[in-house]
Every structure is written in structure tokens, then in C-alpha cells.
Amino acid sequence: MEIKTIAPVTVACYKLKTNLIRIGESVQVIPNQIAQEIAVQNLQVTGAQIWQYVGCDGTPDKEFDLTIAFPVSAKGTNNKLIQFETLPAYKCASHTHNGAWSEFKEVYCTLVQQISEKGHKMDGSNRELYLHCDFENQENCVTEIQMGLI
């Protein structure tokens, strides 16, 4: 676990309310739509896809706010699909996970324990940065998990 502050980042994003049961409906579909709109607006993606969760506590049917975002070179034109905004600086505990997304529950439990043991306080948000996605062989995935700190 590493404690760090992420610099503000300009993103193209889509925001929704979902829960852990329905979140799979958004995988690939919404990111592909965002990527298409970024291309239409002739912008460049400048970093890994970010999924930001606010109010997600691991309860499968509890709704939370989800922002699916791509860092971009500049703000474009907002429309029904995407908004452009700047995510603020983000103080977090960070861990890079190499492996399947199905292992996230254990990773999050360990990270929460480490945060508590070090005396940090969480702010109720977290981010997942998808550094490498392999839908056919998820053991090849690389994801940076960031848990927001006060």
C-alpha cells in the first residue's frame, strides 16, 4: 500500500447510479460509447480508464454513484452521453493488483485493514484505474485500486 495524492485530471465521463449486482451491465458498453464520442470530438485519451465509486460499501444491492471516465487532452462538448470535467486532486491509499477482477473483494478487505492499521481515515470513495484489461484471460489484468483518504 502506498499513500499518495493524484493530481487533478481532465476527463470525459459518464455518471450513473448502480449497485454491485448491476455493475456488470456497464462493463465494456459504456466505456466503448465514451471512447467513440472522444474520437468523434477528435480528442486524445491520455491515461487509463477510471471508475470512481462514491458510497459503495460492498453491499451487493446498495446503490452508489459511479463515474466512468477517460483522461483526455482537453475538454470537449458535453452532450447526453458524456460530460467533461476536471476530477480534483485525490489523496488515497493505492495498491496495484495483478490478476482477475473476481479477486477484488479480498484485495479491498486487505487494503481497508492496512489503512485502518496505519491510522488513516477513508472518505467513502474509491477509484479503479484499469491499466491493462484482458477480458479473455483476466489473470493478465492490471488494476490500480485507490481508496480515498481524509
C-alpha atoms as a PDB file:
ATOM      1  CA  MET A   1       0.000   0.000   0.000  1.00  0.00           C
ATOM      2  CA  GLU A   2       1.232   3.457  -0.933  1.00  0.00           C
ATOM      3  CA  ILE A   3      -0.233   6.766   0.256  1.00  0.00           C
ATOM      4  CA  LYS A   4      -0.226   9.394  -2.478  1.00  0.00           C
ATOM      5  CA  THR A   5      -2.085  12.366  -3.907  1.00  0.00           C
ATOM      6  CA  ILE A   6      -3.241  12.127  -7.501  1.00  0.00           C
ATOM      7  CA  ALA A   7      -3.088  15.398  -9.450  1.00  0.00           C
ATOM      8  CA  PRO A   8      -6.301  16.859 -10.883  1.00  0.00           C
ATOM      9  CA  VAL A   9      -7.194  15.313 -14.241  1.00  0.00           C
ATOM     10  CA  THR A  10      -9.458  16.406 -17.105  1.00  0.00           C
ATOM     11  CA  VAL A  11     -11.831  13.601 -18.088  1.00  0.00           C
ATOM     12  CA  ALA A  12     -14.658  12.654 -20.409  1.00  0.00           C
ATOM     13  CA  CYS A  13     -17.116  10.826 -18.186  1.00  0.00           C
ATOM     14  CA  TYR A  14     -20.495   9.201 -17.775  1.00  0.00           C
ATOM     15  CA  LYS A  15     -22.231   9.187 -14.375  1.00  0.00           C
ATOM     16  CA  LEU A  16     -24.818   6.733 -13.120  1.00  0.00           C
ATOM     17  CA  LYS A  17     -26.352   5.164 -10.035  1.00  0.00           C
ATOM     18  CA  THR A  18     -25.858   1.409  -9.846  1.00  0.00           C
ATOM     19  CA  ASN A  19     -25.089  -1.403  -7.417  1.00  0.00           C
ATOM     20  CA  LEU A  20     -22.674  -4.323  -7.419  1.00  0.00           C
ATOM     21  CA  ILE A  21     -25.337  -6.649  -8.825  1.00  0.00           C
ATOM     22  CA  ARG A  22     -25.983  -4.450 -11.899  1.00  0.00           C
ATOM     23  CA  ILE A  23     -22.493  -3.009 -12.396  1.00  0.00           C
ATOM     24  CA  GLY A  24     -21.584  -5.692 -14.944  1.00  0.00           C
ATOM     25  CA  GLU A  25     -24.129  -4.158 -17.342  1.00  0.00           C
ATOM     26  CA  SER A  26     -21.803  -1.151 -17.683  1.00  0.00           C
ATOM     27  CA  VAL A  27     -18.580  -3.067 -18.404  1.00  0.00           C
ATOM     28  CA  GLN A  28     -17.381  -2.538 -21.973  1.00  0.00           C
ATOM     29  CA  VAL A  29     -20.686  -0.966 -23.110  1.00  0.00           C
ATOM     30  CA  ILE A  30     -20.383   2.488 -21.537  1.00  0.00           C
ATOM     31  CA  PRO A  31     -16.588   2.744 -21.936  1.00  0.00           C
ATOM     32  CA  ASN A  32     -16.923   1.902 -25.632  1.00  0.00           C
ATOM     33  CA  GLN A  33     -19.569   4.624 -26.051  1.00  0.00           C
ATOM     34  CA  ILE A  34     -17.385   7.164 -24.261  1.00  0.00           C
ATOM     35  CA  ALA A  35     -14.363   6.206 -26.385  1.00  0.00           C
ATOM     36  CA  GLN A  36     -16.402   6.616 -29.581  1.00  0.00           C
ATOM     37  CA  GLU A  37     -17.556  10.076 -28.525  1.00  0.00           C
ATOM     38  CA  ILE A  38     -13.981  11.087 -27.633  1.00  0.00           C
ATOM     39  CA  ALA A  39     -12.933  10.041 -31.151  1.00  0.00           C
ATOM     40  CA  VAL A  40     -15.841  11.951 -32.747  1.00  0.00           C
ATOM     41  CA  GLN A  41     -14.734  15.075 -30.881  1.00  0.00           C
ATOM     42  CA  ASN A  42     -11.158  14.471 -32.067  1.00  0.00           C
ATOM     43  CA  LEU A  43      -9.683  14.344 -28.560  1.00  0.00           C
ATOM     44  CA  GLN A  44      -6.880  12.153 -27.286  1.00  0.00           C
ATOM     45  CA  VAL A  45      -7.114   9.743 -24.356  1.00  0.00           C
ATOM     46  CA  THR A  46      -4.162  10.498 -22.067  1.00  0.00           C
ATOM     47  CA  GLY A  47      -4.353   7.777 -19.429  1.00  0.00           C
ATOM     48  CA  ALA A  48      -6.017   4.685 -18.042  1.00  0.00           C
ATOM     49  CA  GLN A  49      -9.783   4.346 -17.749  1.00  0.00           C
ATOM     50  CA  ILE A  50     -11.004   5.417 -14.280  1.00  0.00           C
ATOM     51  CA  TRP A  51     -14.047   4.060 -12.455  1.00  0.00           C
ATOM     52  CA  GLN A  52     -14.818   6.217  -9.413  1.00  0.00           C
ATOM     53  CA  TYR A  53     -17.191   4.881  -6.771  1.00  0.00           C
ATOM     54  CA  VAL A  54     -18.833   7.025  -4.082  1.00  0.00           C
ATOM     55  CA  GLY A  55     -20.852   5.331  -1.351  1.00  0.00           C
ATOM     56  CA  CYS A  56     -20.005   1.742  -2.310  1.00  0.00           C
ATOM     57  CA  ASP A  57     -19.508  -0.304   0.848  1.00  0.00           C
ATOM     58  CA  GLY A  58     -19.509  -3.800  -0.656  1.00  0.00           C
ATOM     59  CA  THR A  59     -23.211  -4.498  -0.028  1.00  0.00           C
ATOM     60  CA  PRO A  60     -24.363  -6.102  -3.315  1.00  0.00           C
ATOM     61  CA  ASP A  61     -27.757  -4.383  -3.653  1.00  0.00           C
ATOM     62  CA  LYS A  62     -26.875  -0.958  -2.162  1.00  0.00           C
ATOM     63  CA  GLU A  63     -26.926   1.827  -4.767  1.00  0.00           C
ATOM     64  CA  PHE A  64     -23.904   4.077  -5.149  1.00  0.00           C
ATOM     65  CA  ASP A  65     -22.662   6.745  -7.535  1.00  0.00           C
ATOM     66  CA  LEU A  66     -20.359   5.552 -10.296  1.00  0.00           C
ATOM     67  CA  THR A  67     -18.368   7.736 -12.667  1.00  0.00           C
ATOM     68  CA  ILE A  68     -16.759   6.032 -15.651  1.00  0.00           C
ATOM     69  CA  ALA A  69     -14.062   8.317 -17.023  1.00  0.00           C
ATOM     70  CA  PHE A  70     -11.244   8.605 -19.526  1.00  0.00           C
ATOM     71  CA  PRO A  71      -8.485  11.184 -19.031  1.00  0.00           C
ATOM     72  CA  VAL A  72      -8.430  13.406 -22.122  1.00  0.00           C
ATOM     73  CA  SER A  73      -6.183  16.031 -23.685  1.00  0.00           C
ATOM     74  CA  ALA A  74      -8.799  18.810 -23.402  1.00  0.00           C
ATOM     75  CA  LYS A  75     -12.417  19.415 -22.506  1.00  0.00           C
ATOM     76  CA  GLY A  76     -14.837  18.785 -25.341  1.00  0.00           C
ATOM     77  CA  THR A  77     -18.528  19.443 -25.787  1.00  0.00           C
ATOM     78  CA  ASN A  78     -20.927  17.975 -23.218  1.00  0.00           C
ATOM     79  CA  ASN A  79     -23.872  16.000 -24.578  1.00  0.00           C
ATOM     80  CA  LYS A  80     -26.394  13.380 -23.424  1.00  0.00           C
ATOM     81  CA  LEU A  81     -23.722  10.688 -23.282  1.00  0.00           C
ATOM     82  CA  ILE A  82     -20.677  12.351 -21.789  1.00  0.00           C
ATOM     83  CA  GLN A  83     -19.638  15.290 -19.684  1.00  0.00           C
ATOM     84  CA  PHE A  84     -16.235  16.887 -19.489  1.00  0.00           C
ATOM     85  CA  GLU A  85     -14.897  17.880 -16.105  1.00  0.00           C
ATOM     86  CA  THR A  86     -11.761  18.014 -14.025  1.00  0.00           C
ATOM     87  CA  LEU A  87     -11.518  15.445 -11.252  1.00  0.00           C
ATOM     88  CA  PRO A  88      -9.934  17.205  -8.247  1.00  0.00           C
ATOM     89  CA  ALA A  89      -6.719  16.150  -6.544  1.00  0.00           C
ATOM     90  CA  TYR A  90      -7.272  12.833  -4.800  1.00  0.00           C
ATOM     91  CA  LYS A  91      -5.465  11.714  -1.634  1.00  0.00           C
ATOM     92  CA  CYS A  92      -5.576   7.932  -1.484  1.00  0.00           C
ATOM     93  CA  ALA A  93      -4.151   4.630  -0.403  1.00  0.00           C
ATOM     94  CA  SER A  94      -3.078   2.873  -3.583  1.00  0.00           C
ATOM     95  CA  HIS A  95      -2.427  -0.749  -4.468  1.00  0.00           C
ATOM     96  CA  THR A  96      -1.725  -2.249  -7.902  1.00  0.00           C
ATOM     97  CA  HIS A  97      -3.455  -5.588  -8.371  1.00  0.00           C
ATOM     98  CA  ASN A  98      -2.175  -8.054 -10.945  1.00  0.00           C
ATOM     99  CA  GLY A  99      -4.919 -10.560 -11.641  1.00  0.00           C
ATOM    100  CA  ALA A 100      -8.611 -11.151 -12.103  1.00  0.00           C
ATOM    101  CA  TRP A 101     -11.280  -8.674 -11.063  1.00  0.00           C
ATOM    102  CA  SER A 102     -13.018 -11.529  -9.228  1.00  0.00           C
ATOM    103  CA  GLU A 103     -10.222 -11.197  -6.621  1.00  0.00           C
ATOM    104  CA  PHE A 104     -11.138  -7.572  -5.787  1.00  0.00           C
ATOM    105  CA  LYS A 105     -13.157  -8.451  -2.677  1.00  0.00           C
ATOM    106  CA  GLU A 106     -10.085  -9.894  -0.966  1.00  0.00           C
ATOM    107  CA  VAL A 107      -7.888  -7.040  -2.229  1.00  0.00           C
ATOM    108  CA  TYR A 108     -10.272  -4.410  -0.857  1.00  0.00           C
ATOM    109  CA  CYS A 109     -10.540  -6.203   2.514  1.00  0.00           C
ATOM    110  CA  THR A 110      -6.749  -6.262   2.837  1.00  0.00           C
ATOM    111  CA  LEU A 111      -6.434  -2.621   1.791  1.00  0.00           C
ATOM    112  CA  VAL A 112      -9.095  -1.467   4.271  1.00  0.00           C
ATOM    113  CA  GLN A 113      -7.303  -3.376   7.043  1.00  0.00           C
ATOM    114  CA  GLN A 114      -3.948  -1.798   6.144  1.00  0.00           C
ATOM    115  CA  ILE A 115      -5.498   1.690   6.043  1.00  0.00           C
ATOM    116  CA  SER A 116      -7.013   1.160   9.485  1.00  0.00           C
ATOM    117  CA  GLU A 117      -3.785  -0.267  10.947  1.00  0.00           C
ATOM    118  CA  LYS A 118      -1.854   2.797   9.717  1.00  0.00           C
ATOM    119  CA  GLY A 119      -4.402   5.135  11.352  1.00  0.00           C
ATOM    120  CA  HIS A 120      -5.780   6.674   8.146  1.00  0.00           C
ATOM    121  CA  LYS A 121      -9.444   7.557   7.668  1.00  0.00           C
ATOM    122  CA  MET A 122     -11.322   6.735   4.447  1.00  0.00           C
ATOM    123  CA  ASP A 123     -13.573   9.306   2.769  1.00  0.00           C
ATOM    124  CA  GLY A 124     -16.139   6.854   1.305  1.00  0.00           C
ATOM    125  CA  SER A 125     -14.813   6.898  -2.243  1.00  0.00           C
ATOM    126  CA  ASN A 126     -12.538   4.715  -4.288  1.00  0.00           C
ATOM    127  CA  ARG A 127     -11.190   4.524  -7.804  1.00  0.00           C
ATOM    128  CA  GLU A 128     -10.122   1.694 -10.052  1.00  0.00           C
ATOM    129  CA  LEU A 129      -7.690   2.511 -12.844  1.00  0.00           C
ATOM    130  CA  TYR A 130      -7.671  -0.171 -15.500  1.00  0.00           C
ATOM    131  CA  LEU A 131      -4.027  -0.225 -16.598  1.00  0.00           C
ATOM    132  CA  HIS A 132      -4.395  -3.433 -18.631  1.00  0.00           C
ATOM    133  CA  CYS A 133      -7.681  -5.214 -19.400  1.00  0.00           C
ATOM    134  CA  ASP A 134      -7.810  -8.755 -20.757  1.00  0.00           C
ATOM    135  CA  PHE A 135     -11.410  -9.956 -20.877  1.00  0.00           C
ATOM    136  CA  GLU A 136     -10.445 -13.412 -22.132  1.00  0.00           C
ATOM    137  CA  ASN A 137      -7.695 -14.063 -19.562  1.00  0.00           C
ATOM    138  CA  GLN A 138      -8.435 -11.888 -16.551  1.00  0.00           C
ATOM    139  CA  GLU A 139      -5.395 -13.183 -14.685  1.00  0.00           C
ATOM    140  CA  ASN A 140      -3.471 -10.840 -17.044  1.00  0.00           C
ATOM    141  CA  CYS A 141      -5.350  -7.734 -15.867  1.00  0.00           C
ATOM    142  CA  VAL A 142      -3.540  -4.934 -14.049  1.00  0.00           C
ATOM    143  CA  THR A 143      -5.664  -2.552 -11.973  1.00  0.00           C
ATOM    144  CA  GLU A 144      -4.631   0.217  -9.616  1.00  0.00           C
ATOM    145  CA  ILE A 145      -7.078   0.410  -6.710  1.00  0.00           C
ATOM    146  CA  GLN A 146      -7.200   3.755  -4.923  1.00  0.00           C
ATOM    147  CA  MET A 147      -9.169   4.330  -1.703  1.00  0.00           C
ATOM    148  CA  GLY A 148      -9.869   7.957  -0.874  1.00  0.00           C
ATOM    149  CA  LEU A 149      -8.482   9.309   2.391  1.00  0.00           C
ATOM    150  CA  ILE A 150      -9.421  12.312   4.505  1.00  0.00           C
END
